[in-house]
């Protein structure tokens, strides 16, 4: 009877049951957490989707941003063109100038408002791209960390 109590208390191994169970539970939980966090297939899918986002972001910066900036420049050229038309109408058609001038001024004002709006949207778009790049870089660091952690296991 005393021998059974001595074995149950952990006297044989030198470790009591609660300490041994805690050690085993901790070790198993760390292994399972690491295994569940990093599944090779999931990591591959994450890398692929991250690469797709990276390509789309680069395409957006390479194609869309110059087109947006070109539109703003084009509006500026149209405004200058209206100034030229106003000067030409004043010199060439002095009798009709009073009829055409208000229309050209309204058109110029509308184009200026449109240019201001387009410029503000372009700046907003640029800030949004910068924010997306920051988030993308953070995810890239996380993926690299997970990849290193996976290679260590």
N, C-alpha and C. Protein backbone atom coordinates (compact mmCIF):
# COMPACT_ATOMS: atom_id res chain seq x y z
N UNK A 1 0.82 -1.18 0.00
CA UNK A 1 0.00 0.00 0.00
C UNK A 1 0.87 1.25 0.00
N UNK A 2 1.89 1.25 0.79
CA UNK A 2 2.78 2.40 0.85
C UNK A 2 3.53 2.56 -0.47
N UNK A 3 3.83 1.44 -1.13
CA UNK A 3 4.54 1.50 -2.41
C UNK A 3 3.65 2.12 -3.48
N UNK A 4 2.36 1.79 -3.46
CA UNK A 4 1.44 2.36 -4.45
C UNK A 4 1.28 3.86 -4.23
N UNK A 5 1.24 4.29 -3.00
CA UNK A 5 1.13 5.72 -2.70
C UNK A 5 2.40 6.44 -3.11
N UNK A 6 3.53 5.76 -2.93
CA UNK A 6 4.80 6.37 -3.29
C UNK A 6 4.91 6.53 -4.82
N UNK A 7 4.45 5.54 -5.59
CA UNK A 7 4.48 5.60 -7.05
C UNK A 7 3.51 6.67 -7.55
N UNK A 8 2.30 6.71 -6.95
CA UNK A 8 1.30 7.68 -7.37
C UNK A 8 1.75 9.12 -7.10
N UNK A 9 2.52 9.32 -6.09
CA UNK A 9 2.94 10.68 -5.76
C UNK A 9 4.08 11.15 -6.65
N UNK A 10 4.61 10.28 -7.48
CA UNK A 10 5.68 10.69 -8.39
C UNK A 10 7.04 10.54 -7.77
N UNK A 11 7.13 9.85 -6.69
CA UNK A 11 8.41 9.69 -6.02
C UNK A 11 9.40 8.91 -6.85
N UNK A 12 8.93 8.03 -7.71
CA UNK A 12 9.83 7.22 -8.51
C UNK A 12 10.55 8.08 -9.55
N UNK A 13 9.82 8.92 -10.26
CA UNK A 13 10.40 9.74 -11.32
C UNK A 13 11.02 11.02 -10.78
N UNK A 14 10.70 11.36 -9.58
CA UNK A 14 11.22 12.59 -9.02
C UNK A 14 10.40 13.81 -9.43
N UNK A 15 9.33 13.59 -10.16
CA UNK A 15 8.46 14.68 -10.61
C UNK A 15 7.06 14.36 -10.16
N UNK A 16 6.41 15.33 -9.60
CA UNK A 16 5.04 15.07 -9.17
C UNK A 16 4.12 15.10 -10.37
N UNK A 17 2.98 14.49 -10.27
CA UNK A 17 2.04 14.39 -11.39
C UNK A 17 1.61 15.74 -11.94
N UNK A 18 1.23 16.71 -11.11
CA UNK A 18 0.81 17.98 -11.69
C UNK A 18 1.92 18.67 -12.49
N UNK A 19 3.15 18.59 -12.01
CA UNK A 19 4.25 19.22 -12.74
C UNK A 19 4.50 18.50 -14.06
N UNK A 20 4.47 17.19 -14.04
CA UNK A 20 4.70 16.41 -15.26
C UNK A 20 3.60 16.64 -16.28
N UNK A 21 2.36 16.64 -15.81
CA UNK A 21 1.25 16.88 -16.72
C UNK A 21 1.30 18.28 -17.30
N UNK A 22 1.67 19.24 -16.47
CA UNK A 22 1.77 20.61 -16.96
C UNK A 22 2.85 20.72 -18.03
N UNK A 23 3.99 20.07 -17.79
CA UNK A 23 5.09 20.11 -18.77
C UNK A 23 4.66 19.46 -20.09
N UNK A 24 4.03 18.32 -20.04
CA UNK A 24 3.58 17.63 -21.25
C UNK A 24 2.51 18.45 -21.95
N UNK A 25 1.56 18.97 -21.19
CA UNK A 25 0.49 19.77 -21.79
C UNK A 25 1.05 21.02 -22.47
N UNK A 26 1.99 21.69 -21.82
CA UNK A 26 2.60 22.88 -22.40
C UNK A 26 3.34 22.54 -23.69
N UNK A 27 4.11 21.48 -23.66
CA UNK A 27 4.87 21.07 -24.84
C UNK A 27 3.94 20.72 -26.00
N UNK A 28 2.92 19.94 -25.72
CA UNK A 28 1.97 19.56 -26.77
C UNK A 28 1.20 20.76 -27.31
N UNK A 29 0.81 21.65 -26.42
CA UNK A 29 0.05 22.81 -26.89
C UNK A 29 0.92 23.72 -27.77
N UNK A 30 2.19 23.88 -27.43
CA UNK A 30 3.08 24.69 -28.27
C UNK A 30 3.28 24.04 -29.64
N UNK A 31 3.43 22.73 -29.66
CA UNK A 31 3.61 22.04 -30.93
C UNK A 31 2.36 22.17 -31.79
N UNK A 32 1.18 21.98 -31.18
CA UNK A 32 -0.05 22.05 -31.96
C UNK A 32 -0.37 23.47 -32.41
N UNK A 33 -0.03 24.45 -31.58
CA UNK A 33 -0.25 25.84 -31.99
C UNK A 33 0.64 26.18 -33.18
N UNK A 34 1.90 25.80 -33.09
CA UNK A 34 2.81 26.07 -34.20
C UNK A 34 2.37 25.33 -35.46
N UNK A 35 1.92 24.11 -35.29
CA UNK A 35 1.48 23.33 -36.45
C UNK A 35 0.20 23.92 -37.05
N UNK A 36 -0.70 24.36 -36.21
CA UNK A 36 -1.96 24.90 -36.73
C UNK A 36 -1.77 26.28 -37.36
N UNK A 37 -0.81 27.04 -36.88
CA UNK A 37 -0.58 28.36 -37.45
C UNK A 37 0.06 28.27 -38.83
N UNK A 38 0.90 27.31 -39.02
CA UNK A 38 1.65 27.25 -40.26
C UNK A 38 1.39 25.92 -40.94
N UNK A 39 0.45 25.93 -41.82
CA UNK A 39 0.20 24.79 -42.67
C UNK A 39 0.83 25.12 -44.01
N UNK A 40 1.58 24.22 -44.55
CA UNK A 40 2.33 24.49 -45.78
C UNK A 40 1.41 24.90 -46.93
N UNK A 41 0.30 24.24 -47.06
CA UNK A 41 -0.64 24.56 -48.15
C UNK A 41 -1.24 25.95 -47.96
N UNK A 42 -1.60 26.27 -46.73
CA UNK A 42 -2.16 27.60 -46.46
C UNK A 42 -1.11 28.68 -46.69
N UNK A 43 0.12 28.41 -46.31
CA UNK A 43 1.19 29.38 -46.52
C UNK A 43 1.43 29.61 -48.01
N UNK A 44 1.35 28.55 -48.80
CA UNK A 44 1.52 28.67 -50.25
C UNK A 44 0.39 29.50 -50.85
N UNK A 45 -0.85 29.24 -50.41
CA UNK A 45 -1.99 30.02 -50.91
C UNK A 45 -1.86 31.49 -50.51
N UNK A 46 -1.40 31.72 -49.29
CA UNK A 46 -1.22 33.09 -48.82
C UNK A 46 -0.16 33.81 -49.66
N UNK A 47 0.92 33.12 -49.97
CA UNK A 47 1.96 33.72 -50.81
C UNK A 47 1.43 34.03 -52.20
N UNK A 48 0.65 33.11 -52.76
CA UNK A 48 0.10 33.33 -54.11
C UNK A 48 -0.85 34.52 -54.14
N UNK A 49 -1.73 34.60 -53.17
CA UNK A 49 -2.67 35.73 -53.15
C UNK A 49 -1.93 37.04 -52.90
N UNK A 50 -0.90 36.99 -52.07
CA UNK A 50 -0.09 38.19 -51.81
C UNK A 50 0.60 38.64 -53.09
N UNK A 51 1.09 37.70 -53.86
CA UNK A 51 1.76 38.02 -55.12
C UNK A 51 0.78 38.62 -56.13
N UNK A 52 -0.45 38.10 -56.16
CA UNK A 52 -1.47 38.65 -57.06
C UNK A 52 -1.79 40.10 -56.69
N UNK A 53 -1.91 40.36 -55.39
CA UNK A 53 -2.19 41.72 -54.94
C UNK A 53 -1.03 42.64 -55.30
N UNK A 54 0.18 42.13 -55.15
CA UNK A 54 1.36 42.92 -55.49
C UNK A 54 1.36 43.28 -56.98
N UNK A 55 1.03 42.32 -57.84
CA UNK A 55 0.99 42.58 -59.27
C UNK A 55 -0.11 43.58 -59.62
N UNK A 56 -1.26 43.45 -58.99
CA UNK A 56 -2.36 44.38 -59.26
C UNK A 56 -2.00 45.79 -58.81
N UNK A 57 -1.33 45.89 -57.67
CA UNK A 57 -0.92 47.20 -57.18
C UNK A 57 0.10 47.84 -58.11
N UNK A 58 1.05 47.05 -58.59
CA UNK A 58 2.04 47.58 -59.53
C UNK A 58 1.37 48.01 -60.84
N UNK A 59 0.41 47.22 -61.30
CA UNK A 59 -0.32 47.57 -62.53
C UNK A 59 -1.10 48.87 -62.32
N UNK A 60 -1.70 48.99 -61.15
CA UNK A 60 -2.47 50.19 -60.83
C UNK A 60 -1.57 51.41 -60.85
N UNK A 61 -0.39 51.29 -60.26
CA UNK A 61 0.53 52.41 -60.22
C UNK A 61 1.12 52.70 -61.60
N UNK A 62 1.36 51.66 -62.39
CA UNK A 62 2.00 51.85 -63.69
C UNK A 62 1.04 52.32 -64.77
N UNK A 63 -0.22 51.91 -64.69
CA UNK A 63 -1.16 52.21 -65.77
C UNK A 63 -2.17 53.28 -65.37
N UNK A 64 -2.85 53.07 -64.27
CA UNK A 64 -3.96 53.95 -63.90
C UNK A 64 -3.49 55.33 -63.46
N UNK A 65 -2.45 55.38 -62.65
CA UNK A 65 -2.01 56.68 -62.12
C UNK A 65 -1.56 57.63 -63.24
N UNK A 66 -0.76 57.19 -64.21
CA UNK A 66 -0.41 58.11 -65.31
C UNK A 66 -1.62 58.56 -66.12
N UNK A 67 -2.60 57.67 -66.30
CA UNK A 67 -3.80 58.06 -67.04
C UNK A 67 -4.58 59.14 -66.28
N UNK A 68 -4.66 58.99 -64.98
CA UNK A 68 -5.37 59.98 -64.17
C UNK A 68 -4.65 61.33 -64.23
N UNK A 69 -3.33 61.29 -64.12
CA UNK A 69 -2.55 62.53 -64.21
C UNK A 69 -2.67 63.15 -65.60
N UNK A 70 -2.74 62.33 -66.64
CA UNK A 70 -2.89 62.85 -68.00
C UNK A 70 -4.24 63.53 -68.17
N UNK A 71 -5.28 63.00 -67.54
CA UNK A 71 -6.60 63.64 -67.61
C UNK A 71 -6.57 65.03 -66.99
N UNK A 72 -5.88 65.17 -65.87
CA UNK A 72 -5.78 66.47 -65.23
C UNK A 72 -5.02 67.45 -66.13
N UNK A 73 -3.95 66.98 -66.74
CA UNK A 73 -3.19 67.84 -67.66
C UNK A 73 -4.04 68.23 -68.87
N UNK A 74 -4.84 67.29 -69.34
CA UNK A 74 -5.70 67.57 -70.49
C UNK A 74 -6.74 68.64 -70.15
N UNK A 75 -7.28 68.58 -68.94
CA UNK A 75 -8.23 69.62 -68.52
C UNK A 75 -7.54 70.99 -68.48
N UNK A 76 -6.30 71.02 -68.02
CA UNK A 76 -5.54 72.27 -68.01
C UNK A 76 -5.34 72.82 -69.41
N UNK A 77 -5.08 71.93 -70.36
CA UNK A 77 -4.92 72.36 -71.75
C UNK A 77 -6.23 72.89 -72.32
N UNK A 78 -7.34 72.27 -71.95
CA UNK A 78 -8.65 72.76 -72.42
C UNK A 78 -8.94 74.15 -71.87
N UNK A 79 -8.57 74.38 -70.63
CA UNK A 79 -8.77 75.71 -70.04
C UNK A 79 -7.95 76.75 -70.80
N UNK A 80 -6.70 76.41 -71.12
CA UNK A 80 -5.87 77.33 -71.90
C UNK A 80 -6.45 77.53 -73.30
N UNK A 81 -7.03 76.49 -73.86
CA UNK A 81 -7.63 76.58 -75.19
C UNK A 81 -8.84 77.52 -75.18
N UNK A 82 -9.61 77.48 -74.11
CA UNK A 82 -10.76 78.39 -74.01
C UNK A 82 -10.29 79.84 -73.93
N UNK A 83 -9.20 80.09 -73.20
CA UNK A 83 -8.63 81.44 -73.17
C UNK A 83 -8.25 81.90 -74.58
N UNK A 84 -7.67 80.98 -75.34
CA UNK A 84 -7.29 81.30 -76.72
C UNK A 84 -8.52 81.61 -77.56
N UNK A 85 -9.57 80.79 -77.39
CA UNK A 85 -10.82 81.03 -78.14
C UNK A 85 -11.44 82.38 -77.77
N UNK A 86 -11.37 82.72 -76.49
CA UNK A 86 -11.94 84.01 -76.07
C UNK A 86 -11.19 85.17 -76.72
N UNK A 87 -9.86 85.09 -76.75
CA UNK A 87 -9.07 86.16 -77.38
C UNK A 87 -9.32 86.20 -78.88
N UNK A 88 -9.44 85.02 -79.49
CA UNK A 88 -9.69 84.97 -80.92
C UNK A 88 -11.07 85.51 -81.26
N UNK A 89 -12.06 85.17 -80.46
CA UNK A 89 -13.43 85.65 -80.72
C UNK A 89 -13.50 87.16 -80.56
N UNK A 90 -12.76 87.70 -79.62
CA UNK A 90 -12.77 89.15 -79.41
C UNK A 90 -12.16 89.87 -80.61
N UNK A 91 -11.08 89.31 -81.16
CA UNK A 91 -10.41 89.95 -82.30
C UNK A 91 -11.12 89.71 -83.62
N UNK A 92 -11.58 88.50 -83.83
CA UNK A 92 -12.14 88.13 -85.14
C UNK A 92 -13.62 88.48 -85.28
N UNK A 93 -14.36 88.32 -84.20
CA UNK A 93 -15.81 88.54 -84.27
C UNK A 93 -16.25 89.51 -83.17
N UNK A 94 -15.92 90.79 -83.30
CA UNK A 94 -16.26 91.74 -82.24
C UNK A 94 -17.76 91.90 -82.03
N UNK A 95 -18.54 91.70 -83.08
CA UNK A 95 -20.00 91.85 -82.93
C UNK A 95 -20.60 90.67 -82.16
N UNK A 96 -20.10 89.48 -82.40
CA UNK A 96 -20.63 88.28 -81.75
C UNK A 96 -19.95 87.98 -80.41
N UNK A 97 -18.93 88.73 -80.08
CA UNK A 97 -18.16 88.46 -78.87
C UNK A 97 -19.02 88.56 -77.62
N UNK A 98 -19.93 89.53 -77.59
CA UNK A 98 -20.78 89.70 -76.40
C UNK A 98 -21.70 88.50 -76.20
N UNK A 99 -22.05 87.80 -77.28
CA UNK A 99 -22.91 86.62 -77.16
C UNK A 99 -22.11 85.37 -76.76
N UNK A 100 -20.90 85.27 -77.29
CA UNK A 100 -20.09 84.06 -77.07
C UNK A 100 -19.32 84.12 -75.74
N UNK A 101 -18.94 85.31 -75.33
CA UNK A 101 -18.11 85.46 -74.13
C UNK A 101 -18.72 84.85 -72.87
N UNK A 102 -19.99 85.08 -72.55
CA UNK A 102 -20.55 84.47 -71.33
C UNK A 102 -20.54 82.93 -71.38
N UNK A 103 -20.80 82.38 -72.56
CA UNK A 103 -20.78 80.93 -72.71
C UNK A 103 -19.38 80.37 -72.49
N UNK A 104 -18.38 81.03 -73.06
CA UNK A 104 -17.00 80.58 -72.88
C UNK A 104 -16.54 80.73 -71.43
N UNK A 105 -16.97 81.81 -70.77
CA UNK A 105 -16.61 81.99 -69.36
C UNK A 105 -17.22 80.91 -68.48
N UNK A 106 -18.48 80.57 -68.75
CA UNK A 106 -19.14 79.51 -67.97
C UNK A 106 -18.47 78.16 -68.22
N UNK A 107 -18.12 77.93 -69.47
CA UNK A 107 -17.44 76.67 -69.81
C UNK A 107 -16.08 76.61 -69.12
N UNK A 108 -15.36 77.72 -69.11
CA UNK A 108 -14.06 77.77 -68.46
C UNK A 108 -14.20 77.55 -66.96
N UNK A 109 -15.20 78.18 -66.34
CA UNK A 109 -15.42 77.99 -64.90
C UNK A 109 -15.75 76.54 -64.58
N UNK A 110 -16.57 75.92 -65.43
CA UNK A 110 -16.92 74.52 -65.23
C UNK A 110 -15.68 73.62 -65.36
N UNK A 111 -14.85 73.89 -66.34
CA UNK A 111 -13.63 73.11 -66.52
C UNK A 111 -12.67 73.30 -65.34
N UNK A 112 -12.58 74.52 -64.82
CA UNK A 112 -11.71 74.77 -63.67
C UNK A 112 -12.20 74.01 -62.44
N UNK A 113 -13.52 74.01 -62.22
CA UNK A 113 -14.08 73.24 -61.10
C UNK A 113 -13.81 71.75 -61.28
N UNK A 114 -13.98 71.29 -62.52
CA UNK A 114 -13.74 69.88 -62.81
C UNK A 114 -12.27 69.53 -62.59
N UNK A 115 -11.37 70.42 -62.97
CA UNK A 115 -9.94 70.18 -62.77
C UNK A 115 -9.59 70.13 -61.28
N UNK A 116 -10.17 71.04 -60.51
CA UNK A 116 -9.92 71.03 -59.06
C UNK A 116 -10.43 69.73 -58.45
N UNK A 117 -11.62 69.31 -58.87
CA UNK A 117 -12.19 68.05 -58.38
C UNK A 117 -11.32 66.87 -58.78
N UNK A 118 -10.89 66.85 -60.04
CA UNK A 118 -10.04 65.75 -60.53
C UNK A 118 -8.71 65.72 -59.78
N UNK A 119 -8.13 66.90 -59.53
CA UNK A 119 -6.87 66.95 -58.79
C UNK A 119 -7.04 66.45 -57.36
N UNK A 120 -8.15 66.82 -56.71
CA UNK A 120 -8.38 66.34 -55.34
C UNK A 120 -8.58 64.83 -55.32
N UNK A 121 -9.29 64.30 -56.31
CA UNK A 121 -9.48 62.85 -56.38
C UNK A 121 -8.17 62.13 -56.69
N UNK A 122 -7.33 62.76 -57.49
CA UNK A 122 -6.02 62.17 -57.80
C UNK A 122 -5.17 62.10 -56.54
N UNK A 123 -5.17 63.17 -55.74
CA UNK A 123 -4.42 63.16 -54.48
C UNK A 123 -4.97 62.11 -53.53
N UNK A 124 -6.29 62.01 -53.46
CA UNK A 124 -6.93 61.02 -52.61
C UNK A 124 -6.56 59.61 -53.07
N UNK A 125 -6.57 59.41 -54.37
CA UNK A 125 -6.20 58.11 -54.94
C UNK A 125 -4.74 57.78 -54.62
N UNK A 126 -3.87 58.76 -54.72
CA UNK A 126 -2.46 58.55 -54.39
C UNK A 126 -2.26 58.19 -52.93
N UNK A 127 -3.00 58.87 -52.04
CA UNK A 127 -2.91 58.54 -50.61
C UNK A 127 -3.42 57.12 -50.35
N UNK A 128 -4.48 56.74 -51.04
CA UNK A 128 -5.04 55.39 -50.87
C UNK A 128 -4.04 54.33 -51.37
N UNK A 129 -3.37 54.61 -52.47
CA UNK A 129 -2.36 53.67 -52.96
C UNK A 129 -1.22 53.56 -51.95
N UNK A 130 -0.79 54.68 -51.38
CA UNK A 130 0.26 54.65 -50.36
C UNK A 130 -0.16 53.84 -49.15
N UNK A 131 -1.41 53.99 -48.72
CA UNK A 131 -1.91 53.23 -47.58
C UNK A 131 -1.94 51.73 -47.90
N UNK A 132 -2.38 51.41 -49.10
CA UNK A 132 -2.43 50.00 -49.50
C UNK A 132 -1.02 49.43 -49.57
N UNK A 133 -0.06 50.21 -50.03
CA UNK A 133 1.33 49.75 -50.07
C UNK A 133 1.87 49.49 -48.67
N UNK A 134 1.53 50.35 -47.71
CA UNK A 134 1.96 50.13 -46.33
C UNK A 134 1.40 48.83 -45.78
N UNK A 135 0.11 48.60 -45.99
CA UNK A 135 -0.52 47.36 -45.53
C UNK A 135 0.11 46.17 -46.24
N UNK A 136 0.36 46.32 -47.53
CA UNK A 136 0.97 45.25 -48.31
C UNK A 136 2.35 44.91 -47.76
N UNK A 137 3.14 45.92 -47.42
CA UNK A 137 4.47 45.68 -46.87
C UNK A 137 4.40 44.99 -45.51
N UNK A 138 3.41 45.35 -44.70
CA UNK A 138 3.24 44.68 -43.40
C UNK A 138 2.91 43.21 -43.60
N UNK A 139 2.01 42.92 -44.55
CA UNK A 139 1.67 41.53 -44.82
C UNK A 139 2.86 40.76 -45.39
N UNK A 140 3.67 41.45 -46.18
CA UNK A 140 4.86 40.81 -46.73
C UNK A 140 5.83 40.42 -45.61
N UNK A 141 6.00 41.30 -44.63
CA UNK A 141 6.85 40.98 -43.48
C UNK A 141 6.27 39.81 -42.70
N UNK A 142 4.95 39.79 -42.52
CA UNK A 142 4.31 38.70 -41.80
C UNK A 142 4.49 37.38 -42.54
N UNK A 143 4.33 37.39 -43.85
CA UNK A 143 4.50 36.17 -44.64
C UNK A 143 5.94 35.69 -44.57
N UNK A 144 6.89 36.61 -44.64
CA UNK A 144 8.30 36.22 -44.51
C UNK A 144 8.58 35.62 -43.14
N UNK A 145 8.00 36.21 -42.10
CA UNK A 145 8.16 35.67 -40.75
C UNK A 145 7.58 34.27 -40.65
N UNK A 146 6.37 34.08 -41.19
CA UNK A 146 5.75 32.76 -41.15
C UNK A 146 6.55 31.75 -41.96
N UNK A 147 7.12 32.19 -43.06
CA UNK A 147 7.93 31.30 -43.88
C UNK A 147 9.19 30.88 -43.13
N UNK A 148 9.84 31.82 -42.45
CA UNK A 148 11.02 31.50 -41.65
C UNK A 148 10.65 30.56 -40.51
N UNK A 149 9.54 30.83 -39.87
CA UNK A 149 9.09 29.98 -38.77
C UNK A 149 8.78 28.58 -39.27
N UNK A 150 8.17 28.50 -40.43
CA UNK A 150 7.83 27.20 -41.01
C UNK A 150 9.10 26.44 -41.38
N UNK A 151 10.11 27.14 -41.90
CA UNK A 151 11.35 26.46 -42.27
C UNK A 151 12.11 25.97 -41.04
N UNK A 152 11.96 26.65 -39.91
CA UNK A 152 12.61 26.21 -38.67
C UNK A 152 11.97 24.95 -38.12
N UNK A 153 10.66 24.79 -38.34
CA UNK A 153 9.99 23.60 -37.83
C UNK A 153 10.28 22.45 -38.76
